[in-house]
Protein backbone atom coordinates (compact mmCIF):
# COMPACT_ATOMS: atom_id res chain seq x y z
CA UNK A 1 19.54 -12.91 1.98
CA UNK A 2 17.87 -16.33 1.84
CA UNK A 3 18.99 -19.61 0.37
CA UNK A 4 18.95 -20.16 -3.37
CA UNK A 5 15.29 -20.77 -4.23
CA UNK A 6 14.00 -23.75 -6.19
CA UNK A 7 12.25 -21.94 -9.01
CA UNK A 8 10.63 -25.04 -10.49
CA UNK A 9 8.98 -25.85 -7.17
CA UNK A 10 7.91 -22.31 -6.30
CA UNK A 11 6.53 -21.66 -9.80
CA UNK A 12 5.07 -25.09 -10.50
CA UNK A 13 2.05 -24.89 -12.73
CA UNK A 14 3.39 -22.01 -14.81
CA UNK A 15 3.11 -22.78 -18.52
CA UNK A 16 5.12 -19.91 -20.00
CA UNK A 17 8.80 -20.68 -20.57
CA UNK A 18 9.45 -16.97 -20.19
CA UNK A 19 8.39 -17.09 -16.55
CA UNK A 20 10.97 -19.68 -15.54
CA UNK A 21 13.64 -17.98 -17.62
CA UNK A 22 12.91 -14.66 -15.91
CA UNK A 23 12.92 -16.15 -12.41
CA UNK A 24 16.13 -18.11 -12.96
CA UNK A 25 18.11 -15.02 -13.93
CA UNK A 26 17.97 -13.68 -10.37
CA UNK A 27 18.75 -12.03 -8.13
CA UNK A 28 16.65 -9.36 -9.84
CA UNK A 29 18.45 -6.01 -10.06
CA UNK A 30 17.53 -2.33 -9.98
CA UNK A 31 16.97 -0.40 -13.20
CA UNK A 32 19.11 2.73 -12.88
CA UNK A 33 20.55 4.82 -15.70
CA UNK A 34 19.31 2.41 -18.35
CA UNK A 35 21.17 -0.55 -16.84
CA UNK A 36 20.35 -3.38 -14.44
CA UNK A 37 22.55 -2.97 -11.38
CA UNK A 38 22.72 -4.53 -7.89
CA UNK A 39 21.87 -2.38 -4.90
CA UNK A 40 24.80 -0.40 -3.55
CA UNK A 41 24.49 -2.26 -0.23
CA UNK A 42 24.46 -5.64 -1.97
CA UNK A 43 21.36 -6.60 0.01
CA UNK A 44 18.54 -8.69 -1.43
CA UNK A 45 15.17 -9.89 -0.20
CA UNK A 46 12.90 -12.80 -1.06
CA UNK A 47 9.66 -12.59 -2.98
CA UNK A 48 7.30 -15.48 -2.28
CA UNK A 49 4.54 -17.37 -4.03
CA UNK A 50 1.66 -16.86 -1.55
CA UNK A 51 -0.08 -20.01 -2.78
CA UNK A 52 2.70 -22.32 -1.53
CA UNK A 53 4.89 -19.99 0.59
CA UNK A 54 7.98 -20.84 -1.47
CA UNK A 55 10.61 -18.39 -2.67
CA UNK A 56 10.26 -17.36 -6.31
CA UNK A 57 13.53 -15.42 -6.48
CA UNK A 58 15.73 -12.88 -4.76
CA UNK A 59 15.36 -9.18 -5.47
CA UNK A 60 17.77 -6.29 -4.92
CA UNK A 61 16.97 -4.21 -1.84
CA UNK A 62 17.41 -0.60 -2.82
CA UNK A 63 17.70 2.20 -0.27
CA UNK A 64 18.62 5.89 -0.05
CA UNK A 65 21.94 5.53 -1.86
CA UNK A 66 20.24 3.87 -4.82
CA UNK A 67 17.46 6.46 -4.89
CA UNK A 68 20.07 9.23 -4.87
CA UNK A 69 21.80 7.62 -7.85
CA UNK A 70 18.53 7.21 -9.73
CA UNK A 71 17.58 10.83 -9.11
CA UNK A 72 20.89 12.03 -10.58
CA UNK A 73 20.18 10.10 -13.77
CA UNK A 74 16.55 11.21 -13.81
CA UNK A 75 17.42 14.88 -13.40
CA UNK A 76 19.93 14.69 -16.24
CA UNK A 77 17.42 12.87 -18.45
CA UNK A 78 14.84 15.55 -17.79
CA UNK A 79 17.06 18.61 -18.12
CA UNK A 80 19.32 17.43 -20.95
CA UNK A 81 17.71 14.32 -22.44
CA UNK A 82 15.59 13.70 -25.52
CA UNK A 83 12.31 12.71 -23.87
CA UNK A 84 10.88 16.04 -22.63
CA UNK A 85 11.67 17.73 -25.96
CA UNK A 86 10.63 14.80 -28.15
CA UNK A 87 7.73 15.50 -30.48
CA UNK A 88 4.33 14.40 -29.17
CA UNK A 89 4.07 11.94 -32.04
CA UNK A 90 7.42 10.45 -31.04
CA UNK A 91 6.18 9.91 -27.50
CA UNK A 92 2.98 8.39 -28.88
CA UNK A 93 4.93 5.84 -30.92
CA UNK A 94 6.95 4.69 -27.92
CA UNK A 95 3.94 4.42 -25.61
CA UNK A 96 2.15 2.37 -28.26
CA UNK A 97 5.24 0.17 -28.52
CA UNK A 98 5.14 -0.48 -24.77
CA UNK A 99 1.47 -1.46 -25.06
CA UNK A 100 2.33 -3.77 -27.95
CA UNK A 101 5.12 -5.43 -25.95
CA UNK A 102 2.76 -6.00 -23.02
CA UNK A 103 0.29 -7.66 -25.39
CA UNK A 104 3.02 -9.83 -26.90
CA UNK A 105 4.10 -11.05 -23.45
CA UNK A 106 0.61 -11.19 -21.95
CA UNK A 107 0.65 -14.88 -20.98
CA UNK A 108 4.04 -14.58 -19.29
CA UNK A 109 3.07 -11.40 -17.45
CA UNK A 110 -0.23 -12.90 -16.29
CA UNK A 111 1.46 -15.98 -14.86
CA UNK A 112 4.16 -13.88 -13.22
CA UNK A 113 1.51 -11.66 -11.65
CA UNK A 114 -0.42 -14.65 -10.33
CA UNK A 115 2.71 -16.31 -8.94
CA UNK A 116 3.86 -13.18 -7.13
CA UNK A 117 0.50 -11.82 -6.00
CA UNK A 118 -1.77 -14.87 -5.66
CA UNK A 119 -4.68 -13.56 -7.72
CA UNK A 120 -6.44 -16.09 -9.97
CA UNK A 121 -4.95 -16.43 -13.44
CA UNK A 122 -8.48 -15.77 -14.72
CA UNK A 123 -8.21 -12.22 -13.36
CA UNK A 124 -4.59 -11.65 -14.39
CA UNK A 125 -5.33 -12.68 -17.97
CA UNK A 126 -8.63 -10.86 -18.35
CA UNK A 127 -8.24 -7.76 -16.19
CA UNK A 128 -4.72 -6.84 -15.09
CA UNK A 129 -2.59 -7.41 -18.17
CA UNK A 130 -5.07 -6.21 -20.82
CA UNK A 131 -5.82 -3.21 -18.60
CA UNK A 132 -2.15 -2.30 -18.38
CA UNK A 133 -1.73 -2.41 -22.16
CA UNK A 134 -4.92 -0.41 -22.68
CA UNK A 135 -3.74 2.28 -20.27
CA UNK A 136 -0.51 2.80 -22.21
CA UNK A 137 -2.52 2.82 -25.43
CA UNK A 138 -4.93 5.41 -24.06
CA UNK A 139 -2.20 7.79 -22.89
CA UNK A 140 -0.30 7.35 -26.14
CA UNK A 141 -3.18 9.32 -27.66
CA UNK A 142 -2.89 12.04 -25.04
CA UNK A 143 0.75 12.85 -25.85
CA UNK A 144 -0.37 14.92 -28.86
CA UNK A 145 -3.34 16.57 -27.14
CA UNK A 146 -1.79 18.49 -24.26
CA UNK A 147 -2.80 22.02 -25.14
CA UNK A 148 -2.25 25.47 -23.76
CA UNK A 149 -4.69 28.35 -24.13
CA UNK A 150 -4.80 31.86 -25.52
CA UNK A 151 -6.47 34.34 -23.21
CA UNK A 152 -8.08 37.73 -23.83
CA UNK A 153 -5.71 40.48 -22.74
CA UNK A 154 -5.46 44.26 -22.68
CA UNK A 155 -4.56 46.10 -25.89
CA UNK A 156 -0.94 45.74 -26.87
CA UNK A 157 -0.49 42.46 -25.00
CA UNK A 158 -0.75 38.83 -26.05
CA UNK A 159 -1.18 36.15 -23.39
CA UNK A 160 -1.02 32.39 -23.76
CA UNK A 161 -0.39 29.40 -21.52
CA UNK A 162 1.84 26.36 -21.82
CA UNK A 163 1.18 23.04 -20.10
CA UNK A 164 4.63 21.64 -19.30
CA UNK A 165 5.87 18.44 -17.62
CA UNK A 166 6.42 18.54 -13.86
CA UNK A 167 9.86 16.90 -13.98
CA UNK A 168 11.16 13.98 -11.95
CA UNK A 169 8.26 11.90 -10.64
CA UNK A 170 8.55 9.38 -7.82
CA UNK A 171 5.84 6.75 -8.05
CA UNK A 172 5.11 4.26 -5.27
CA UNK A 173 2.65 1.50 -6.14
CA UNK A 174 0.80 -1.16 -4.10
CA UNK A 175 0.81 -4.94 -4.22
CA UNK A 176 -2.82 -5.61 -5.12
CA UNK A 177 -2.68 -4.74 -8.85
CA UNK A 178 1.08 -4.46 -9.45
CA UNK A 179 1.34 -4.14 -13.24
CA UNK A 180 -1.96 -2.31 -13.62
CA UNK A 181 -0.99 0.27 -10.99
CA UNK A 182 2.42 0.70 -12.62
CA UNK A 183 0.68 1.50 -15.91
CA UNK A 184 -1.71 3.95 -14.24
CA UNK A 185 1.30 5.85 -12.91
CA UNK A 186 3.89 5.54 -15.67
CA UNK A 187 1.75 6.04 -18.79
CA UNK A 188 0.32 9.52 -18.08
CA UNK A 189 3.62 10.73 -16.66
CA UNK A 190 5.45 9.71 -19.84
CA UNK A 191 2.76 11.11 -22.12
CA UNK A 192 3.39 14.52 -20.55
CA UNK A 193 7.18 14.31 -21.00
CA UNK A 194 8.16 13.53 -17.41
CA UNK A 195 10.75 11.06 -16.15
CA UNK A 196 9.84 8.40 -13.60
CA UNK A 197 11.38 6.57 -10.65
CA UNK A 198 9.07 3.69 -9.81
CA UNK A 199 9.06 1.78 -6.53
CA UNK A 200 6.93 -1.37 -6.65
CA UNK A 201 5.67 -2.99 -3.44
CA UNK A 202 8.21 -5.32 -1.86
CA UNK A 203 5.62 -8.13 -1.83
CA UNK A 204 5.11 -8.03 -5.61
CA UNK A 205 8.07 -6.56 -7.50
CA UNK A 206 8.27 -9.01 -10.39
CA UNK A 207 5.90 -7.69 -13.07
CA UNK A 208 7.22 -4.16 -12.58
CA UNK A 209 10.74 -5.45 -13.19
CA UNK A 210 9.61 -7.40 -16.25
CA UNK A 211 7.89 -4.25 -17.49
CA UNK A 212 11.22 -2.49 -17.06
CA UNK A 213 12.81 -5.02 -19.40
CA UNK A 214 10.09 -4.44 -21.97
CA UNK A 215 10.45 -0.67 -21.66
CA UNK A 216 14.15 -0.98 -22.48
CA UNK A 217 13.09 -2.71 -25.71
CA UNK A 218 10.59 0.01 -26.63
CA UNK A 219 13.02 2.72 -27.66
CA UNK A 220 12.39 4.88 -24.61
CA UNK A 221 15.55 6.90 -23.88
CA UNK A 222 17.59 5.62 -20.94
CA UNK A 223 16.86 6.92 -17.44
CA UNK A 224 13.36 8.07 -18.39
CA UNK A 225 11.97 5.14 -16.40
CA UNK A 226 13.99 3.72 -13.51
CA UNK A 227 12.86 1.07 -11.03
CA UNK A 228 13.96 0.79 -7.40
CA UNK A 229 12.84 -2.30 -5.50
CA UNK A 230 13.01 -2.30 -1.73
CA UNK A 231 11.07 -1.46 1.41
CA UNK A 232 9.12 1.58 2.50
CA UNK A 233 11.51 2.80 5.22
CA UNK A 234 14.53 2.57 2.90
CA UNK A 235 13.45 3.17 -0.68
CA UNK A 236 9.94 4.59 -0.35
CA UNK A 237 10.74 7.20 2.28
CA UNK A 238 13.84 8.27 0.34
CA UNK A 239 11.71 8.95 -2.73
CA UNK A 240 9.16 10.92 -0.72
CA UNK A 241 11.83 12.99 1.05
CA UNK A 242 14.19 13.61 -1.85
CA UNK A 243 14.69 17.33 -2.50
CA UNK A 244 15.26 16.85 -6.23
CA UNK A 245 12.09 14.87 -6.92
CA UNK A 246 9.33 17.19 -8.13
CA UNK A 247 6.28 15.01 -7.60
CA UNK A 248 5.27 11.89 -5.70
CA UNK A 249 2.29 9.71 -6.60
CA UNK A 250 1.32 7.05 -4.08
CA UNK A 251 -1.31 4.33 -3.97
CA UNK A 252 -1.70 2.38 -0.75
CA UNK A 253 -2.96 2.60 2.80
CA UNK A 254 -4.04 5.78 4.52
CA UNK A 255 -1.46 5.31 7.26
CA UNK A 256 1.40 5.24 4.78
CA UNK A 257 -0.20 8.01 2.73
CA UNK A 258 0.02 10.32 5.73
CA UNK A 259 3.70 9.46 6.13
CA UNK A 260 4.30 10.19 2.43
CA UNK A 261 2.60 13.55 2.79
CA UNK A 262 4.75 14.51 5.79
CA UNK A 263 7.96 13.31 4.16
CA UNK A 264 7.28 15.26 0.98
CA UNK A 265 6.95 18.59 2.80
CA UNK A 266 10.69 19.26 2.74
CA UNK A 267 10.64 20.69 -0.78
CA UNK A 268 6.85 21.14 -1.08
CA UNK A 269 6.76 18.64 -3.92
CA UNK A 270 3.47 17.87 -5.57
CA UNK A 271 1.69 14.87 -4.07
CA UNK A 272 -1.23 12.78 -5.28
CA UNK A 273 -2.64 10.02 -3.09
CA UNK A 274 -5.01 7.17 -3.89
CA UNK A 275 -5.73 5.55 -0.55
CA UNK A 276 -8.07 3.08 1.07
CA UNK A 277 -11.81 2.73 1.24
CA UNK A 278 -14.74 1.22 3.07
CA UNK A 279 -17.13 1.53 0.19
CA UNK A 280 -20.92 1.32 0.67
CA UNK A 281 -22.79 -0.98 -1.70
CA UNK A 282 -26.49 -0.14 -1.30
CA UNK A 283 -29.25 -2.58 -2.31
CA UNK A 284 -32.84 -1.35 -2.62
CA UNK A 285 -35.88 -3.68 -2.71
CA UNK A 286 -36.69 -2.85 -6.33
CA UNK A 287 -33.24 -4.00 -7.52
CA UNK A 288 -32.75 -7.14 -9.57
CA UNK A 289 -31.93 -9.47 -6.67
CA UNK A 290 -29.73 -11.91 -8.59
CA UNK A 291 -27.82 -9.19 -10.42
CA UNK A 292 -27.29 -7.22 -7.21
CA UNK A 293 -26.08 -10.29 -5.32
CA UNK A 294 -23.74 -11.29 -8.14
CA UNK A 295 -22.39 -7.74 -8.44
CA UNK A 296 -21.94 -7.56 -4.68
CA UNK A 297 -20.06 -10.85 -4.73
CA UNK A 298 -17.67 -9.53 -7.39
CA UNK A 299 -17.43 -6.22 -5.56
CA UNK A 300 -16.02 -7.74 -2.39
CA UNK A 301 -14.45 -11.05 -3.40
CA UNK A 302 -12.57 -10.16 -6.59
CA UNK A 303 -8.81 -10.26 -5.99
CA UNK A 304 -9.54 -11.82 -2.58
CA UNK A 305 -11.08 -8.53 -1.46
CA UNK A 306 -7.69 -6.83 -1.74
CA UNK A 307 -9.16 -3.92 -3.67
CA UNK A 308 -9.14 -0.32 -2.48
CA UNK A 309 -12.67 0.26 -3.80
CA UNK A 310 -14.09 -3.10 -2.65
CA UNK A 311 -17.76 -3.02 -1.68
CA UNK A 312 -17.01 -4.15 1.84
CA UNK A 313 -20.10 -2.59 3.46
CA UNK A 314 -23.21 -4.12 1.90
CA UNK A 315 -26.25 -2.07 2.92
CA UNK A 316 -29.51 -3.95 2.44
CA UNK A 317 -33.02 -2.58 3.02
CA UNK A 318 -34.34 -4.30 6.13
CA UNK A 319 -37.41 -5.84 4.43
CA UNK A 320 -35.20 -7.94 2.14
CA UNK A 321 -32.14 -8.35 4.37
CA UNK A 322 -32.51 -12.06 5.15
CA UNK A 323 -33.37 -13.03 1.58
CA UNK A 324 -30.52 -11.04 0.09
CA UNK A 325 -27.86 -12.18 2.54
CA UNK A 326 -28.95 -15.79 1.94
CA UNK A 327 -28.45 -15.31 -1.80
CA UNK A 328 -25.11 -13.55 -1.38
CA UNK A 329 -23.90 -16.25 1.02
CA UNK A 330 -24.86 -19.01 -1.40
CA UNK A 331 -22.89 -17.29 -4.14
CA UNK A 332 -19.91 -16.84 -1.82
CA UNK A 333 -19.96 -20.55 -0.99
CA UNK A 334 -19.83 -21.38 -4.70
CA UNK A 335 -16.52 -19.53 -5.22
CA UNK A 336 -13.68 -21.88 -6.10
CA UNK A 337 -10.86 -21.25 -3.62
CA UNK A 338 -7.55 -22.84 -4.57
CA UNK A 339 -4.51 -22.87 -6.83
CA UNK A 340 -4.52 -19.48 -8.56
CA UNK A 341 -2.84 -20.90 -11.68
CA UNK A 342 -5.84 -23.19 -12.23
CA UNK A 343 -8.14 -21.61 -14.82
CA UNK A 344 -11.23 -22.62 -12.82
CA UNK A 345 -10.09 -20.91 -9.60
CA UNK A 346 -11.93 -17.73 -8.71
CA UNK A 347 -10.17 -16.92 -5.42
CA UNK A 348 -6.52 -17.42 -4.56
CA UNK A 349 -4.47 -16.71 -1.43
CA UNK A 350 -3.91 -13.36 0.19
CA UNK A 351 -0.67 -11.71 -0.80
CA UNK A 352 1.42 -12.38 2.32
CA UNK A 353 1.59 -13.92 5.76
CA UNK A 354 1.21 -10.46 7.28
CA UNK A 355 -1.98 -9.80 5.32
CA UNK A 356 -3.29 -13.28 6.13
CA UNK A 357 -2.84 -12.68 9.86
CA UNK A 358 -4.41 -9.23 9.58
CA UNK A 359 -7.56 -10.54 7.91
CA UNK A 360 -7.90 -13.50 10.29
CA UNK A 361 -7.59 -11.01 13.13
CA UNK A 362 -10.54 -9.05 11.78
CA UNK A 363 -12.59 -12.24 11.50
CA UNK A 364 -12.05 -12.77 15.21
CA UNK A 365 -12.89 -9.14 15.94
CA UNK A 366 -16.14 -9.40 13.99
CA UNK A 367 -17.27 -12.46 15.92
CA UNK A 368 -16.40 -10.85 19.25
CA UNK A 369 -18.37 -7.75 18.27
CA UNK A 370 -21.48 -9.87 17.78
CA UNK A 371 -21.53 -10.23 14.01
CA UNK A 372 -22.48 -13.63 12.60
CA UNK A 373 -20.34 -15.32 9.95
CA UNK A 374 -23.16 -16.57 7.74
CA UNK A 375 -20.54 -18.15 5.51
CA UNK A 376 -16.76 -18.44 5.86
CA UNK A 377 -15.18 -16.72 8.81
CA UNK A 378 -12.10 -18.93 8.85
CA UNK A 379 -8.80 -19.61 7.11
CA UNK A 380 -8.90 -21.76 4.00
CA UNK A 381 -8.55 -25.53 4.29
CA UNK A 382 -5.45 -25.67 2.07
CA UNK A 383 -2.35 -27.19 3.66
CA UNK A 384 -0.11 -24.34 2.50
CA UNK A 385 -0.64 -20.80 1.36
CA UNK A 386 -2.31 -17.72 2.77
CA UNK A 387 -5.92 -18.65 2.05
CA UNK A 388 -9.02 -17.20 3.71
CA UNK A 389 -12.57 -18.35 3.06
CA UNK A 390 -14.94 -15.83 1.44
CA UNK A 391 -16.88 -14.44 4.39
CA UNK A 392 -20.26 -12.78 4.76
CA UNK A 393 -20.94 -11.23 8.16
CA UNK A 394 -24.57 -10.50 9.09
CA UNK A 395 -26.02 -8.66 12.08
CA UNK A 396 -23.38 -5.99 11.53
CA UNK A 397 -23.78 -2.47 12.91
CA UNK A 398 -22.14 0.41 11.09
CA UNK A 399 -20.37 1.29 14.35
CA UNK A 400 -18.53 -2.05 14.53
CA UNK A 401 -14.81 -2.20 13.89
CA UNK A 402 -15.31 -4.52 10.91
CA UNK A 403 -17.53 -1.83 9.37
CA UNK A 404 -15.25 1.10 10.20
CA UNK A 405 -11.77 -0.14 9.29
CA UNK A 406 -10.41 -1.30 5.95
CA UNK A 407 -9.82 -5.05 6.21
CA UNK A 408 -8.53 -5.54 2.66
CA UNK A 409 -9.68 -9.12 2.47
CA UNK A 410 -12.67 -11.24 1.37
CA UNK A 411 -14.97 -10.01 4.13
CA UNK A 412 -18.41 -8.53 3.46
CA UNK A 413 -20.21 -6.73 6.29
CA UNK A 414 -23.98 -6.78 5.63
CA UNK A 415 -25.79 -3.88 7.32
CA UNK A 416 -29.50 -3.07 7.45
CA UNK A 417 -30.98 0.30 6.48
CA UNK A 418 -34.52 1.67 6.73
CA UNK A 419 -34.97 4.13 3.86
CA UNK A 420 -33.06 6.30 1.38
CA UNK A 421 -32.04 8.86 3.96
CA UNK A 422 -30.75 6.19 6.32
CA UNK A 423 -28.83 4.47 3.51
CA UNK A 424 -27.10 7.70 2.51
CA UNK A 425 -26.37 8.67 6.12
CA UNK A 426 -24.82 5.31 7.00
CA UNK A 427 -23.02 5.09 3.67
CA UNK A 428 -21.38 8.46 4.26
CA UNK A 429 -20.65 7.72 7.92
CA UNK A 430 -17.02 6.80 7.31
CA UNK A 431 -13.65 8.51 7.09
CA UNK A 432 -13.27 7.11 3.57
CA UNK A 433 -14.81 8.16 0.28
CA UNK A 434 -13.31 6.21 -2.59
CA UNK A 435 -16.33 4.52 -4.17
CA UNK A 436 -19.96 3.50 -3.69
CA UNK A 437 -22.69 1.62 -5.51
CA UNK A 438 -26.48 1.76 -5.73
CA UNK A 439 -28.76 -1.02 -6.96
CA UNK A 440 -32.25 0.16 -7.97
CA UNK A 441 -34.60 0.31 -10.96
CA UNK A 442 -35.68 3.83 -9.98
CA UNK A 443 -33.56 6.13 -12.14
CA UNK A 444 -34.53 9.23 -10.16
CA UNK A 445 -33.43 7.56 -6.93
CA UNK A 446 -30.19 6.45 -8.60
CA UNK A 447 -29.28 10.00 -9.67
CA UNK A 448 -30.31 11.48 -6.33
CA UNK A 449 -28.27 9.06 -4.25
CA UNK A 450 -25.27 9.23 -6.60
CA UNK A 451 -25.13 12.96 -5.88
CA UNK A 452 -25.60 12.45 -2.15
CA UNK A 453 -22.87 9.86 -1.61
CA UNK A 454 -19.48 11.36 -0.74
CA UNK A 455 -17.35 9.17 -2.98
CA UNK A 456 -15.10 9.66 -5.97
CA UNK A 457 -16.85 6.97 -8.02
CA UNK A 458 -20.46 5.81 -7.83
CA UNK A 459 -21.71 2.77 -9.72
CA UNK A 460 -25.38 2.16 -10.45
CA UNK A 461 -26.54 -1.42 -11.03
CA UNK A 462 -22.96 -2.56 -11.47
CA UNK A 463 -19.78 -2.69 -9.41
CA UNK A 464 -16.12 -2.12 -10.11
CA UNK A 465 -16.30 -0.74 -13.64
CA UNK A 466 -13.12 1.26 -14.33
CA UNK A 467 -12.03 2.69 -17.66
CA UNK A 468 -8.80 4.53 -18.52
CA UNK A 469 -10.92 7.35 -19.94
CA UNK A 470 -12.65 8.16 -16.64
CA UNK A 471 -11.07 9.69 -13.51
CA UNK A 472 -10.53 7.61 -10.38
CA UNK A 473 -9.81 8.91 -6.91
CA UNK A 474 -11.28 9.59 -3.52
CA UNK A 475 -13.04 11.99 -1.21
CA UNK A 476 -12.05 12.53 2.42
CA UNK A 477 -9.27 10.22 3.67
CA UNK A 478 -9.33 8.17 0.49
CA UNK A 479 -6.86 10.64 -0.96
CA UNK A 480 -6.70 13.52 -3.41
CA UNK A 481 -5.87 13.94 -7.07
CA UNK A 482 -7.42 11.89 -9.84
CA UNK A 483 -5.80 9.14 -11.84
CA UNK A 484 -6.92 8.08 -15.32
CA UNK A 485 -8.73 10.17 -17.90
CA UNK A 486 -7.63 13.66 -18.81
CA UNK A 487 -7.40 14.42 -15.10
CA UNK A 488 -4.17 12.43 -14.77
CA UNK A 489 -2.64 14.77 -17.36
CA UNK A 490 -3.28 17.59 -14.89
CA UNK A 491 -1.37 15.66 -12.19
CA UNK A 492 1.74 15.44 -14.36
CA UNK A 493 1.80 18.91 -15.91
CA UNK A 494 2.15 22.47 -14.67
CA UNK A 495 0.87 25.63 -16.31
CA UNK A 496 3.03 28.54 -17.40
CA UNK A 497 1.49 31.88 -18.37
CA UNK A 498 3.36 33.90 -21.03
CA UNK A 499 2.75 37.63 -21.71
CA UNK A 500 4.13 39.25 -24.86
CA UNK A 501 4.09 42.99 -25.49
CA UNK A 502 3.04 43.68 -29.05
């Protein structure tokens, strides 16, 4: 446990009074059984502002004992509580109330997200917080549309199916889009009548905890959503291993995803994984150059490149390679890197010292491999904070380490290709398959390549478009299962077949 933090200093620049009030009421506790409680061990950890490296507040460090307690409450809430048997319209009303509360506290949540994560307030206000509310709103509609089927049967028999909730769901979310990822997990699970134990990333626990406070105001029965903050080896592994948790949903790195999968084998619980990517972003000569460069810039530099579907491999047809990389580099140089609470900032710090060192390490690797940093390639010039300059590497080969491994930072690797076949081959030459993009005015080419790319999402003449109505997930080692859309309903329900003799 660290020293008592100076909230005013760590959170300077925040305009919402609710932010300071929330931070000052620390240490933040665990939400178990409808109440805020300290961890059983009494341990806490610090959560930092990555822009100035100062402590925002202390947070309870949950572990196996706390997970065990939460599971007891969750199991009782599922087997005996009101939520699973509540009418669909009742669930709809509560999910809509959660969305309304997020909207009402949008400014506070946006500032809290930016303070804890480092992303520009421009993104928090316009992407993360509205997206979280919209996700709850979307799944509020699904609560009344989870249907079974009637099936043809032999004479004298009647057969129908029921789609029922899975039960107790453990949900482990990442640090890059904390509130948005919480909404992607919680909303569909609740719409189906499940109960949830959420573990936010230890780097960014604050908006999940604030969401917990709002959920308690929504009328949701107690213990339907519980929140355990802590670390992977203590809290996360306990959720994955627990014999009385029916499903685990995880978003994060492939390395941890494999550990989750192994840990969950004890009771063969359902698992869905949304993992990393090394997404190809393919630019053809007939594309709108400015639009493709701008879309490519957003595709790799939004959220400091800490995006699972970031367009980190930029494939450019060799005849236009120099011209395009010049344009992309000029756009990268124009990005305002600085205080993420400043409305004009378009790139903030990376989330943590560990991530900062990781990305800087890859910059060194790229240079040693022979790639050229056409722009960036170094840490930011700020005196404090985990800043890295937006970087465009040229002369990159698809076999290089910076083109093979997920960096999760503002680093674009520009790679030449000869023709359509070469673009598809190189684009697919990766262990990942989360997303891809194609820039061309040839609609036939666009459809052909979209089918050929082994990725869960393909964008054409745009990058990064995500809607709650459409499924999101990966091929290959980018995971399995689909979040969002009706497909998330399938993750959180199971089908029962009923035969009746007439």
